[in-house]
């Protein structure tokens, strides 16, 4: 079951406003096809106070799980991993890379797809990070879960490194498609807030009821 601090409603044709654990956040509505749009949340486009607030909110959700290490996918997950780790008093965090750097030639990897990225991608885990994860209670953090494909790949890679996956913290859940993709792992998700997806009605983007 998703834990959420959400209270949200459409504000205008091109924005969507929600309450993010006590802080109002207005997001642009961005079409991803002629008939479908999303509320675009880019943590790096918001003030540091939003990042700090979000990190504290995620840490509050994950603290009861007693994680020993925080894992996040590059690139938007990086600032979240830092903030959540700091809030939990953890010294180390692990980043799943997407760019094939020279030191990642023999990295552990999985293939992924994402609703906001074009074409197939890969998550890469530096083998030097495996000892940090092996046998440890791990939580993955990310900005948004939508289709669930990226997160599914992240969980697979963390488990491949021998970690015990105890939870996933996301700033926003988007729609509910991710539940089918993640299957039983959907129960690991703890979200600070929720956003729907949108379709066109009379030239205006309107929230799709089934995704609310």
N, C-alpha and C. Protein backbone atom coordinates (compact mmCIF):
# COMPACT_ATOMS: atom_id res chain seq x y z
N UNK A 1 0.85 -1.20 0.00
CA UNK A 1 0.00 0.00 0.00
C UNK A 1 0.87 1.24 0.00
N UNK A 2 0.55 2.21 -0.84
CA UNK A 2 1.33 3.44 -0.93
C UNK A 2 0.98 4.37 0.22
N UNK A 3 2.00 4.87 0.90
CA UNK A 3 1.81 5.87 1.91
C UNK A 3 1.99 7.23 1.25
N UNK A 4 1.02 8.13 1.39
CA UNK A 4 1.07 9.37 0.63
C UNK A 4 0.62 10.54 1.46
N UNK A 5 1.26 11.71 1.22
CA UNK A 5 0.84 12.94 1.86
C UNK A 5 0.13 13.82 0.87
N UNK A 6 -0.71 13.23 0.01
CA UNK A 6 -1.26 13.92 -1.14
C UNK A 6 -2.60 14.56 -0.89
N UNK A 7 -2.75 15.75 -1.40
CA UNK A 7 -4.05 16.38 -1.59
C UNK A 7 -3.88 17.26 -2.80
N UNK A 8 -4.50 16.89 -3.94
CA UNK A 8 -4.17 17.58 -5.18
C UNK A 8 -5.40 17.83 -6.03
N UNK A 9 -5.28 18.83 -6.93
CA UNK A 9 -6.37 19.13 -7.85
C UNK A 9 -5.81 19.94 -9.01
N UNK A 10 -6.45 19.86 -10.20
CA UNK A 10 -5.99 20.67 -11.32
C UNK A 10 -6.11 22.15 -11.00
N UNK A 11 -5.09 22.92 -11.39
CA UNK A 11 -5.11 24.36 -11.13
C UNK A 11 -5.42 25.14 -12.38
N UNK A 12 -4.87 24.72 -13.50
CA UNK A 12 -5.09 25.41 -14.76
C UNK A 12 -4.84 24.44 -15.89
N UNK A 13 -5.03 24.91 -17.11
CA UNK A 13 -4.92 24.04 -18.27
C UNK A 13 -3.53 23.42 -18.38
N UNK A 14 -2.51 24.17 -18.01
CA UNK A 14 -1.15 23.71 -18.26
C UNK A 14 -0.35 23.43 -16.99
N UNK A 15 -0.98 23.42 -15.83
CA UNK A 15 -0.27 23.10 -14.59
C UNK A 15 -1.13 22.20 -13.71
N UNK A 16 -0.47 21.55 -12.77
CA UNK A 16 -1.15 20.72 -11.79
C UNK A 16 -0.51 21.00 -10.44
N UNK A 17 -1.33 21.23 -9.44
CA UNK A 17 -0.84 21.59 -8.12
C UNK A 17 -1.18 20.50 -7.11
N UNK A 18 -0.20 20.17 -6.29
CA UNK A 18 -0.43 19.16 -5.25
C UNK A 18 0.24 19.59 -3.96
N UNK A 19 -0.20 18.97 -2.88
CA UNK A 19 0.42 19.19 -1.59
C UNK A 19 1.44 18.08 -1.36
N UNK A 20 2.70 18.45 -1.23
CA UNK A 20 3.78 17.49 -1.06
C UNK A 20 4.25 17.53 0.39
N UNK A 21 3.60 16.69 1.21
CA UNK A 21 3.94 16.62 2.64
C UNK A 21 3.93 18.00 3.28
N UNK A 22 2.88 18.78 2.99
CA UNK A 22 2.72 20.08 3.61
C UNK A 22 3.28 21.25 2.82
N UNK A 23 3.83 20.97 1.65
CA UNK A 23 4.37 22.04 0.81
C UNK A 23 3.68 22.02 -0.54
N UNK A 24 3.11 23.16 -0.96
CA UNK A 24 2.43 23.23 -2.25
C UNK A 24 3.44 23.22 -3.39
N UNK A 25 3.16 22.40 -4.39
CA UNK A 25 4.05 22.27 -5.54
C UNK A 25 3.22 22.33 -6.80
N UNK A 26 3.59 23.21 -7.73
CA UNK A 26 2.90 23.34 -9.01
C UNK A 26 3.81 22.85 -10.12
N UNK A 27 3.29 21.89 -10.90
CA UNK A 27 4.07 21.25 -11.96
C UNK A 27 3.48 21.56 -13.32
N UNK A 28 4.32 21.69 -14.34
CA UNK A 28 3.81 21.89 -15.70
C UNK A 28 3.25 20.58 -16.25
N UNK A 29 2.18 20.69 -17.03
CA UNK A 29 1.63 19.54 -17.73
C UNK A 29 2.28 19.48 -19.10
N UNK A 30 2.94 18.36 -19.39
CA UNK A 30 3.74 18.22 -20.61
C UNK A 30 3.23 17.04 -21.43
N UNK A 31 2.82 17.28 -22.69
CA UNK A 31 2.36 16.17 -23.54
C UNK A 31 3.50 15.22 -23.87
N UNK A 32 3.21 13.91 -23.81
CA UNK A 32 4.19 12.92 -24.28
C UNK A 32 3.67 12.22 -25.53
N UNK A 33 2.44 12.54 -25.92
CA UNK A 33 1.87 12.10 -27.20
C UNK A 33 0.71 13.04 -27.50
N UNK A 34 0.04 12.82 -28.61
CA UNK A 34 -1.08 13.69 -28.97
C UNK A 34 -2.25 13.55 -28.01
N UNK A 35 -2.33 12.44 -27.31
CA UNK A 35 -3.50 12.19 -26.46
C UNK A 35 -3.17 11.99 -24.99
N UNK A 36 -1.89 12.07 -24.63
CA UNK A 36 -1.50 11.80 -23.24
C UNK A 36 -0.47 12.82 -22.77
N UNK A 37 -0.66 13.28 -21.53
CA UNK A 37 0.28 14.23 -20.92
C UNK A 37 0.56 13.83 -19.49
N UNK A 38 1.69 14.32 -18.98
CA UNK A 38 2.08 14.06 -17.60
C UNK A 38 2.41 15.37 -16.89
N UNK A 39 2.40 15.33 -15.56
CA UNK A 39 2.93 16.45 -14.77
C UNK A 39 4.42 16.22 -14.62
N UNK A 40 5.22 17.11 -15.16
CA UNK A 40 6.66 16.91 -15.18
C UNK A 40 7.30 17.39 -13.88
N UNK A 41 7.90 16.45 -13.15
CA UNK A 41 8.61 16.78 -11.92
C UNK A 41 10.10 16.55 -12.13
N UNK A 42 10.86 17.63 -12.11
CA UNK A 42 12.32 17.57 -12.23
C UNK A 42 12.90 18.18 -10.96
N UNK A 43 13.39 17.35 -10.07
CA UNK A 43 13.85 17.83 -8.77
C UNK A 43 14.94 18.88 -8.91
N UNK A 44 15.76 18.80 -9.97
CA UNK A 44 16.85 19.76 -10.16
C UNK A 44 16.36 21.12 -10.63
N UNK A 45 15.08 21.23 -10.99
CA UNK A 45 14.52 22.51 -11.41
C UNK A 45 13.88 23.27 -10.25
N UNK A 46 13.89 22.69 -9.06
CA UNK A 46 13.24 23.30 -7.91
C UNK A 46 14.29 23.84 -6.93
N UNK A 47 13.89 24.78 -6.07
CA UNK A 47 14.84 25.34 -5.09
C UNK A 47 15.39 24.27 -4.16
N UNK A 48 16.54 24.56 -3.57
CA UNK A 48 17.15 23.62 -2.63
C UNK A 48 16.23 23.32 -1.45
N UNK A 49 15.39 24.27 -1.09
CA UNK A 49 14.47 24.04 0.02
C UNK A 49 13.49 22.93 -0.30
N UNK A 50 13.10 22.80 -1.58
CA UNK A 50 12.21 21.71 -1.99
C UNK A 50 12.95 20.39 -1.91
N UNK A 51 14.21 20.37 -2.35
CA UNK A 51 15.00 19.15 -2.26
C UNK A 51 15.18 18.71 -0.82
N UNK A 52 15.50 19.64 0.06
CA UNK A 52 15.67 19.32 1.47
C UNK A 52 14.38 18.80 2.08
N UNK A 53 13.27 19.48 1.78
CA UNK A 53 11.96 19.08 2.29
C UNK A 53 11.60 17.68 1.81
N UNK A 54 11.85 17.43 0.53
CA UNK A 54 11.54 16.12 -0.05
C UNK A 54 12.41 15.03 0.56
N UNK A 55 13.69 15.32 0.74
CA UNK A 55 14.59 14.34 1.36
C UNK A 55 14.16 13.97 2.76
N UNK A 56 13.74 14.97 3.53
CA UNK A 56 13.27 14.71 4.89
C UNK A 56 12.00 13.87 4.88
N UNK A 57 11.09 14.18 3.94
CA UNK A 57 9.83 13.43 3.85
C UNK A 57 10.09 11.97 3.48
N UNK A 58 10.98 11.74 2.52
CA UNK A 58 11.32 10.37 2.13
C UNK A 58 12.00 9.64 3.28
N UNK A 59 12.90 10.31 3.97
CA UNK A 59 13.58 9.68 5.10
C UNK A 59 12.60 9.27 6.18
N UNK A 60 11.58 10.08 6.42
CA UNK A 60 10.57 9.74 7.43
C UNK A 60 9.81 8.47 7.06
N UNK A 61 9.56 8.30 5.75
CA UNK A 61 8.86 7.10 5.30
C UNK A 61 9.73 5.86 5.40
N UNK A 62 11.03 6.02 5.16
CA UNK A 62 11.94 4.87 5.10
C UNK A 62 12.58 4.52 6.44
N UNK A 63 12.61 5.46 7.36
CA UNK A 63 13.31 5.24 8.64
C UNK A 63 12.82 3.99 9.38
N UNK A 64 11.50 3.72 9.44
CA UNK A 64 11.05 2.51 10.14
C UNK A 64 11.58 1.21 9.55
N UNK A 65 12.06 1.25 8.30
CA UNK A 65 12.59 0.05 7.65
C UNK A 65 14.04 -0.22 8.03
N UNK A 66 14.65 0.72 8.73
CA UNK A 66 16.04 0.59 9.19
C UNK A 66 17.01 0.26 8.07
N UNK A 67 17.02 1.05 6.99
CA UNK A 67 17.95 0.77 5.89
C UNK A 67 19.40 1.03 6.29
N UNK A 68 20.30 0.25 5.70
CA UNK A 68 21.73 0.43 5.94
C UNK A 68 22.41 1.16 4.79
N UNK A 69 21.77 1.18 3.62
CA UNK A 69 22.33 1.87 2.47
C UNK A 69 21.20 2.32 1.55
N UNK A 70 21.36 3.51 0.98
CA UNK A 70 20.40 4.07 0.04
C UNK A 70 20.98 3.95 -1.37
N UNK A 71 20.13 3.52 -2.30
CA UNK A 71 20.53 3.36 -3.70
C UNK A 71 19.62 4.23 -4.55
N UNK A 72 20.18 4.86 -5.59
CA UNK A 72 19.37 5.69 -6.47
C UNK A 72 19.89 5.60 -7.90
N UNK A 73 18.99 5.69 -8.87
CA UNK A 73 19.42 5.73 -10.27
C UNK A 73 19.87 7.13 -10.66
N UNK A 74 20.88 7.20 -11.52
CA UNK A 74 21.28 8.48 -12.10
C UNK A 74 20.21 8.89 -13.12
N UNK A 75 20.01 10.18 -13.37
CA UNK A 75 20.76 11.23 -12.69
C UNK A 75 19.91 11.96 -11.64
N UNK A 76 18.61 11.96 -11.82
CA UNK A 76 17.75 12.72 -10.92
C UNK A 76 17.65 12.10 -9.54
N UNK A 77 18.03 10.83 -9.43
CA UNK A 77 18.01 10.21 -8.12
C UNK A 77 19.19 10.59 -7.25
N UNK A 78 20.24 11.15 -7.86
CA UNK A 78 21.47 11.44 -7.11
C UNK A 78 21.23 12.43 -5.97
N UNK A 79 20.63 13.61 -6.22
CA UNK A 79 20.43 14.53 -5.10
C UNK A 79 19.51 13.95 -4.03
N UNK A 80 18.55 13.12 -4.44
CA UNK A 80 17.66 12.50 -3.46
C UNK A 80 18.42 11.51 -2.58
N UNK A 81 19.32 10.74 -3.19
CA UNK A 81 20.12 9.79 -2.41
C UNK A 81 20.95 10.51 -1.36
N UNK A 82 21.51 11.65 -1.74
CA UNK A 82 22.34 12.42 -0.81
C UNK A 82 21.50 12.96 0.34
N UNK A 83 20.35 13.56 0.01
CA UNK A 83 19.50 14.15 1.05
C UNK A 83 18.93 13.10 1.98
N UNK A 84 18.46 11.99 1.43
CA UNK A 84 17.86 10.94 2.26
C UNK A 84 18.93 10.29 3.14
N UNK A 85 20.09 10.03 2.57
CA UNK A 85 21.18 9.44 3.36
C UNK A 85 21.58 10.36 4.51
N UNK A 86 21.68 11.65 4.21
CA UNK A 86 22.03 12.62 5.25
C UNK A 86 20.98 12.62 6.35
N UNK A 87 19.70 12.63 5.96
CA UNK A 87 18.62 12.67 6.94
C UNK A 87 18.58 11.41 7.81
N UNK A 88 19.01 10.29 7.24
CA UNK A 88 19.01 9.03 7.98
C UNK A 88 20.31 8.78 8.74
N UNK A 89 21.28 9.66 8.57
CA UNK A 89 22.55 9.51 9.24
C UNK A 89 23.44 8.43 8.64
N UNK A 90 23.26 8.16 7.34
CA UNK A 90 24.05 7.15 6.65
C UNK A 90 25.22 7.80 5.92
N UNK A 91 26.39 7.19 5.97
CA UNK A 91 27.59 7.75 5.37
C UNK A 91 27.73 7.42 3.89
N UNK A 92 27.24 6.26 3.46
CA UNK A 92 27.44 5.81 2.09
C UNK A 92 26.12 5.67 1.36
N UNK A 93 26.16 5.94 0.07
CA UNK A 93 25.03 5.68 -0.82
C UNK A 93 25.60 5.15 -2.13
N UNK A 94 24.75 4.52 -2.92
CA UNK A 94 25.20 3.90 -4.17
C UNK A 94 24.34 4.43 -5.31
N UNK A 95 25.00 4.79 -6.42
CA UNK A 95 24.29 5.30 -7.59
C UNK A 95 24.37 4.28 -8.72
N UNK A 96 23.23 4.00 -9.34
CA UNK A 96 23.17 3.16 -10.53
C UNK A 96 23.36 4.07 -11.73
N UNK A 97 24.46 3.90 -12.44
CA UNK A 97 24.82 4.78 -13.54
C UNK A 97 24.11 4.39 -14.83
N UNK A 98 24.03 5.35 -15.75
CA UNK A 98 23.47 5.09 -17.08
C UNK A 98 24.52 5.26 -18.18
N UNK A 99 25.57 6.02 -17.90
CA UNK A 99 26.62 6.27 -18.90
C UNK A 99 27.76 5.27 -18.72
N UNK A 100 28.21 4.65 -19.80
CA UNK A 100 29.27 3.63 -19.71
C UNK A 100 30.65 4.25 -19.52
N UNK A 101 30.94 4.72 -18.32
CA UNK A 101 32.25 5.30 -18.01
C UNK A 101 33.34 4.21 -18.08
N UNK A 102 34.59 4.65 -18.17
CA UNK A 102 35.70 3.72 -18.36
C UNK A 102 35.82 2.72 -17.21
N UNK A 103 35.48 3.14 -15.99
CA UNK A 103 35.61 2.23 -14.85
C UNK A 103 34.44 1.26 -14.74
N UNK A 104 33.48 1.36 -15.67
CA UNK A 104 32.30 0.50 -15.63
C UNK A 104 32.33 -0.57 -16.71
N UNK A 105 33.51 -0.84 -17.26
CA UNK A 105 33.61 -1.80 -18.36
C UNK A 105 33.10 -3.18 -17.98
N UNK A 106 33.29 -3.58 -16.71
CA UNK A 106 32.83 -4.90 -16.28
C UNK A 106 31.69 -4.78 -15.26
N UNK A 107 30.95 -3.69 -15.33
CA UNK A 107 29.88 -3.44 -14.36
C UNK A 107 28.75 -4.45 -14.47
N UNK A 108 28.06 -4.68 -13.35
CA UNK A 108 26.80 -5.40 -13.39
C UNK A 108 25.80 -4.49 -14.11
N UNK A 109 24.91 -5.06 -14.91
CA UNK A 109 24.00 -4.22 -15.68
C UNK A 109 22.66 -4.89 -15.91
N UNK A 110 21.64 -4.05 -16.14
CA UNK A 110 20.31 -4.51 -16.57
C UNK A 110 19.79 -3.51 -17.59
N UNK A 111 18.96 -3.98 -18.51
CA UNK A 111 18.33 -3.10 -19.51
C UNK A 111 17.03 -2.54 -18.96
N UNK A 112 16.73 -1.28 -19.31
CA UNK A 112 15.53 -0.62 -18.82
C UNK A 112 14.90 0.22 -19.92
N UNK A 113 13.63 0.59 -19.72
CA UNK A 113 12.95 1.59 -20.54
C UNK A 113 12.27 2.56 -19.59
N UNK A 114 12.05 3.79 -20.07
CA UNK A 114 11.46 4.82 -19.22
C UNK A 114 10.45 5.63 -20.01
N UNK A 115 9.38 6.08 -19.33
CA UNK A 115 8.33 6.87 -19.98
C UNK A 115 8.84 8.24 -20.41
N UNK A 116 9.90 8.74 -19.75
CA UNK A 116 10.40 10.09 -20.06
C UNK A 116 11.72 10.07 -20.84
N UNK A 117 12.20 8.90 -21.22
CA UNK A 117 13.44 8.79 -21.98
C UNK A 117 13.20 8.00 -23.25
N UNK A 118 13.92 8.37 -24.32
CA UNK A 118 13.75 7.70 -25.60
C UNK A 118 14.69 6.50 -25.72
N UNK A 119 14.14 5.40 -26.22
CA UNK A 119 14.96 4.24 -26.52
C UNK A 119 15.38 3.45 -25.30
N UNK A 120 15.94 2.27 -25.52
CA UNK A 120 16.41 1.42 -24.42
C UNK A 120 17.63 2.01 -23.73
N UNK A 121 17.74 1.76 -22.45
CA UNK A 121 18.89 2.22 -21.67
C UNK A 121 19.37 1.08 -20.78
N UNK A 122 20.44 1.32 -20.05
CA UNK A 122 20.93 0.33 -19.10
C UNK A 122 21.27 1.01 -17.77
N UNK A 123 21.05 0.28 -16.69
CA UNK A 123 21.60 0.67 -15.41
C UNK A 123 22.90 -0.11 -15.22
N UNK A 124 23.92 0.60 -14.74
CA UNK A 124 25.23 -0.01 -14.53
C UNK A 124 25.64 0.16 -13.08
N UNK A 125 26.11 -0.92 -12.47
CA UNK A 125 26.57 -0.88 -11.09
C UNK A 125 28.04 -1.24 -11.03
N UNK A 126 28.84 -0.29 -10.58
CA UNK A 126 30.27 -0.51 -10.42
C UNK A 126 30.49 -1.70 -9.48
N UNK A 127 31.30 -2.66 -9.91
CA UNK A 127 31.55 -3.83 -9.07
C UNK A 127 32.22 -3.45 -7.75
N UNK A 128 32.87 -2.30 -7.72
CA UNK A 128 33.48 -1.84 -6.47
C UNK A 128 32.44 -1.51 -5.42
N UNK A 129 31.19 -1.27 -5.86
CA UNK A 129 30.11 -0.94 -4.93
C UNK A 129 29.41 -2.18 -4.39
N UNK A 130 29.68 -3.33 -4.96
CA UNK A 130 29.00 -4.55 -4.54
C UNK A 130 29.21 -4.83 -3.05
N UNK A 131 30.43 -4.69 -2.49
CA UNK A 131 30.60 -4.94 -1.05
C UNK A 131 29.78 -3.99 -0.17
N UNK A 132 29.47 -2.81 -0.69
CA UNK A 132 28.66 -1.86 0.08
C UNK A 132 27.22 -2.37 0.19
N UNK A 133 26.78 -3.14 -0.80
CA UNK A 133 25.40 -3.61 -0.86
C UNK A 133 25.21 -5.03 -0.35
N UNK A 134 26.19 -5.88 -0.55
CA UNK A 134 26.01 -7.30 -0.25
C UNK A 134 25.64 -7.54 1.21
N UNK A 135 24.48 -8.20 1.39
CA UNK A 135 24.01 -8.54 2.73
C UNK A 135 23.43 -7.38 3.51
N UNK A 136 23.32 -6.21 2.89
CA UNK A 136 22.82 -5.01 3.58
C UNK A 136 21.34 -4.77 3.29
N UNK A 137 20.67 -4.13 4.25
CA UNK A 137 19.28 -3.71 4.07
C UNK A 137 19.29 -2.44 3.21
N UNK A 138 18.75 -2.54 2.00
CA UNK A 138 18.84 -1.44 1.04
C UNK A 138 17.46 -0.87 0.71
N UNK A 139 17.43 0.44 0.51
CA UNK A 139 16.24 1.12 0.00
C UNK A 139 16.64 1.89 -1.26
N UNK A 140 15.82 1.80 -2.27
CA UNK A 140 16.00 2.59 -3.49
C UNK A 140 15.15 3.85 -3.38
N UNK A 141 15.70 4.98 -3.80
CA UNK A 141 14.92 6.22 -3.86
C UNK A 141 14.96 6.76 -5.29
N UNK A 142 13.86 7.39 -5.69
CA UNK A 142 13.79 7.99 -7.03
C UNK A 142 12.76 9.10 -7.01
N UNK A 143 12.74 9.88 -8.10
CA UNK A 143 11.82 11.02 -8.14
C UNK A 143 10.39 10.58 -8.42
N UNK A 144 10.18 9.80 -9.51
CA UNK A 144 8.82 9.42 -9.92
C UNK A 144 8.81 7.97 -10.37
N UNK A 145 7.75 7.24 -10.02
CA UNK A 145 7.52 5.93 -10.60
C UNK A 145 6.24 6.02 -11.43
N UNK A 146 6.34 5.67 -12.72
CA UNK A 146 5.19 5.76 -13.64
C UNK A 146 4.88 4.39 -14.22
N UNK A 147 5.62 3.99 -15.24
CA UNK A 147 5.40 2.65 -15.81
C UNK A 147 5.95 1.57 -14.88
N UNK A 148 6.96 1.91 -14.12
CA UNK A 148 7.59 0.94 -13.22
C UNK A 148 8.77 0.21 -13.83
N UNK A 149 9.01 0.39 -15.13
CA UNK A 149 10.07 -0.35 -15.81
C UNK A 149 11.46 -0.01 -15.28
N UNK A 150 11.73 1.28 -15.11
CA UNK A 150 13.05 1.68 -14.61
C UNK A 150 13.28 1.16 -13.20
N UNK A 151 12.26 1.29 -12.37
CA UNK A 151 12.39 0.84 -10.99
C UNK A 151 12.55 -0.67 -10.91
N UNK A 152 11.85 -1.38 -11.76
CA UNK A 152 12.00 -2.84 -11.80
C UNK A 152 13.44 -3.22 -12.09
N UNK A 153 14.05 -2.52 -13.05
CA UNK A 153 15.45 -2.77 -13.37
C UNK A 153 16.38 -2.45 -12.22
N UNK A 154 16.08 -1.34 -11.53
CA UNK A 154 16.91 -0.95 -10.39
C UNK A 154 16.87 -2.01 -9.29
N UNK A 155 15.68 -2.51 -9.00
CA UNK A 155 15.54 -3.53 -7.96
C UNK A 155 16.28 -4.81 -8.35
N UNK A 156 16.18 -5.16 -9.61
CA UNK A 156 16.87 -6.36 -10.10
C UNK A 156 18.38 -6.23 -9.91
N UNK A 157 18.90 -5.05 -10.22
CA UNK A 157 20.35 -4.84 -10.14
C UNK A 157 20.83 -4.83 -8.69
N UNK A 158 20.07 -4.20 -7.82
CA UNK A 158 20.44 -4.16 -6.40
C UNK A 158 20.44 -5.56 -5.81
N UNK A 159 19.46 -6.35 -6.18
CA UNK A 159 19.41 -7.74 -5.69
C UNK A 159 20.54 -8.57 -6.28
N UNK A 160 20.90 -8.27 -7.52
CA UNK A 160 22.01 -8.99 -8.15
C UNK A 160 23.30 -8.77 -7.37
N UNK A 161 23.39 -7.62 -6.72
CA UNK A 161 24.57 -7.30 -5.91
C UNK A 161 24.50 -7.93 -4.53
N UNK A 162 23.41 -8.62 -4.23
CA UNK A 162 23.30 -9.34 -2.96
C UNK A 162 22.66 -8.57 -1.83
N UNK A 163 22.02 -7.44 -2.12
CA UNK A 163 21.38 -6.65 -1.07
C UNK A 163 20.00 -7.21 -0.73
N UNK A 164 19.55 -6.91 0.47
CA UNK A 164 18.19 -7.23 0.91
C UNK A 164 17.33 -6.00 0.68
N UNK A 165 16.46 -6.05 -0.33
CA UNK A 165 15.62 -4.90 -0.66
C UNK A 165 14.48 -4.79 0.35
N UNK A 166 14.51 -3.73 1.15
CA UNK A 166 13.49 -3.59 2.19
C UNK A 166 12.47 -2.49 1.90
N UNK A 167 12.75 -1.63 0.92
CA UNK A 167 11.79 -0.57 0.62
C UNK A 167 12.21 0.30 -0.54
N UNK A 168 11.24 1.04 -1.06
CA UNK A 168 11.46 1.99 -2.15
C UNK A 168 10.75 3.29 -1.79
N UNK A 169 11.47 4.38 -1.83
CA UNK A 169 10.86 5.68 -1.58
C UNK A 169 10.87 6.52 -2.83
N UNK A 170 9.71 7.01 -3.24
CA UNK A 170 9.62 7.89 -4.40
C UNK A 170 8.95 9.19 -3.99
N UNK A 171 9.35 10.26 -4.63
CA UNK A 171 8.69 11.54 -4.36
C UNK A 171 7.25 11.47 -4.82
N UNK A 172 7.04 10.97 -6.06
CA UNK A 172 5.69 10.92 -6.63
C UNK A 172 5.41 9.58 -7.28
N UNK A 173 4.25 9.02 -7.01
CA UNK A 173 3.72 7.94 -7.83
C UNK A 173 2.87 8.60 -8.91
N UNK A 174 2.98 8.10 -10.14
CA UNK A 174 2.23 8.66 -11.26
C UNK A 174 1.32 7.59 -11.86
N UNK A 175 0.00 7.81 -11.75
CA UNK A 175 -0.93 6.79 -12.19
C UNK A 175 -0.71 5.51 -11.39
N UNK A 176 -1.17 4.38 -11.97
CA UNK A 176 -1.05 3.11 -11.24
C UNK A 176 -0.50 1.98 -12.11
N UNK A 177 -0.03 2.29 -13.30
CA UNK A 177 0.50 1.27 -14.20
C UNK A 177 1.66 0.51 -13.56
N UNK A 178 2.41 1.19 -12.74
CA UNK A 178 3.59 0.60 -12.11
C UNK A 178 3.25 -0.60 -11.23
N UNK A 179 2.04 -0.66 -10.72
CA UNK A 179 1.67 -1.78 -9.84
C UNK A 179 1.73 -3.11 -10.56
N UNK A 180 1.21 -3.14 -11.79
CA UNK A 180 1.24 -4.38 -12.57
C UNK A 180 2.66 -4.74 -12.95
N UNK A 181 3.46 -3.75 -13.31
CA UNK A 181 4.84 -3.99 -13.72
C UNK A 181 5.68 -4.55 -12.58
N UNK A 182 5.51 -4.00 -11.40
CA UNK A 182 6.34 -4.39 -10.26
C UNK A 182 5.82 -5.63 -9.54
N UNK A 183 4.55 -5.99 -9.79
CA UNK A 183 3.95 -7.17 -9.15
C UNK A 183 4.10 -7.06 -7.62
N UNK A 184 4.62 -8.08 -6.97
CA UNK A 184 4.69 -8.07 -5.50
C UNK A 184 5.61 -6.97 -4.97
N UNK A 185 6.56 -6.52 -5.79
CA UNK A 185 7.45 -5.44 -5.35
C UNK A 185 6.73 -4.10 -5.23
N UNK A 186 5.52 -4.01 -5.79
CA UNK A 186 4.74 -2.78 -5.63
C UNK A 186 4.47 -2.50 -4.16
N UNK A 187 4.46 -3.55 -3.34
CA UNK A 187 4.22 -3.37 -1.91
C UNK A 187 5.38 -2.66 -1.21
N UNK A 188 6.53 -2.58 -1.87
CA UNK A 188 7.68 -1.90 -1.28
C UNK A 188 7.59 -0.38 -1.41
N UNK A 189 6.71 0.10 -2.31
CA UNK A 189 6.68 1.53 -2.64
C UNK A 189 6.08 2.36 -1.52
N UNK A 190 6.78 3.42 -1.18
CA UNK A 190 6.27 4.44 -0.26
C UNK A 190 6.44 5.78 -0.96
N UNK A 191 5.31 6.45 -1.25
CA UNK A 191 5.35 7.70 -1.99
C UNK A 191 4.98 8.89 -1.13
N UNK A 192 5.67 9.99 -1.33
CA UNK A 192 5.33 11.22 -0.62
C UNK A 192 4.05 11.82 -1.19
N UNK A 193 3.88 11.75 -2.52
CA UNK A 193 2.69 12.30 -3.16
C UNK A 193 2.31 11.50 -4.39
N UNK A 194 1.22 11.90 -5.04
CA UNK A 194 0.72 11.19 -6.22
C UNK A 194 0.26 12.20 -7.27
N UNK A 195 0.52 11.89 -8.53
CA UNK A 195 0.03 12.70 -9.64
C UNK A 195 -0.67 11.79 -10.65
N UNK A 196 -1.72 12.30 -11.28
CA UNK A 196 -2.40 11.52 -12.32
C UNK A 196 -1.73 11.75 -13.67
N UNK A 197 -2.25 11.08 -14.68
CA UNK A 197 -1.92 11.38 -16.06
C UNK A 197 -3.12 12.11 -16.67
N UNK A 198 -2.94 12.69 -17.85
CA UNK A 198 -3.94 13.59 -18.41
C UNK A 198 -4.27 13.23 -19.86
N UNK A 199 -5.54 13.45 -20.24
CA UNK A 199 -5.93 13.33 -21.64
C UNK A 199 -6.65 14.60 -22.07
N UNK A 200 -6.76 14.78 -23.38
CA UNK A 200 -7.39 15.99 -23.92
C UNK A 200 -8.91 15.87 -23.93
N UNK A 201 -9.55 16.91 -23.43
CA UNK A 201 -11.01 17.04 -23.52
C UNK A 201 -11.31 18.48 -23.93
N UNK A 202 -11.85 18.63 -25.13
CA UNK A 202 -12.19 19.96 -25.65
C UNK A 202 -10.99 20.90 -25.61
N UNK A 203 -9.83 20.37 -25.98
CA UNK A 203 -8.63 21.19 -26.05
C UNK A 203 -7.95 21.47 -24.74
N UNK A 204 -8.42 20.84 -23.65
CA UNK A 204 -7.83 21.06 -22.34
C UNK A 204 -7.35 19.74 -21.75
N UNK A 205 -6.20 19.76 -21.12
CA UNK A 205 -5.69 18.56 -20.47
C UNK A 205 -6.45 18.34 -19.16
N UNK A 206 -7.06 17.17 -19.06
CA UNK A 206 -7.88 16.82 -17.90
C UNK A 206 -7.35 15.53 -17.28
N UNK A 207 -7.32 15.48 -15.96
CA UNK A 207 -6.82 14.29 -15.28
C UNK A 207 -7.68 13.07 -15.63
N UNK A 208 -7.02 11.96 -15.93
CA UNK A 208 -7.70 10.70 -16.21
C UNK A 208 -8.13 10.08 -14.88
N UNK A 209 -9.43 9.86 -14.73
CA UNK A 209 -9.97 9.40 -13.45
C UNK A 209 -9.28 8.16 -12.92
N UNK A 210 -9.00 7.22 -13.83
CA UNK A 210 -8.41 5.95 -13.41
C UNK A 210 -6.99 6.10 -12.88
N UNK A 211 -6.37 7.26 -13.13
CA UNK A 211 -5.00 7.46 -12.67
C UNK A 211 -4.92 8.34 -11.43
N UNK A 212 -6.07 8.81 -10.96
CA UNK A 212 -6.09 9.67 -9.78
C UNK A 212 -5.80 8.87 -8.50
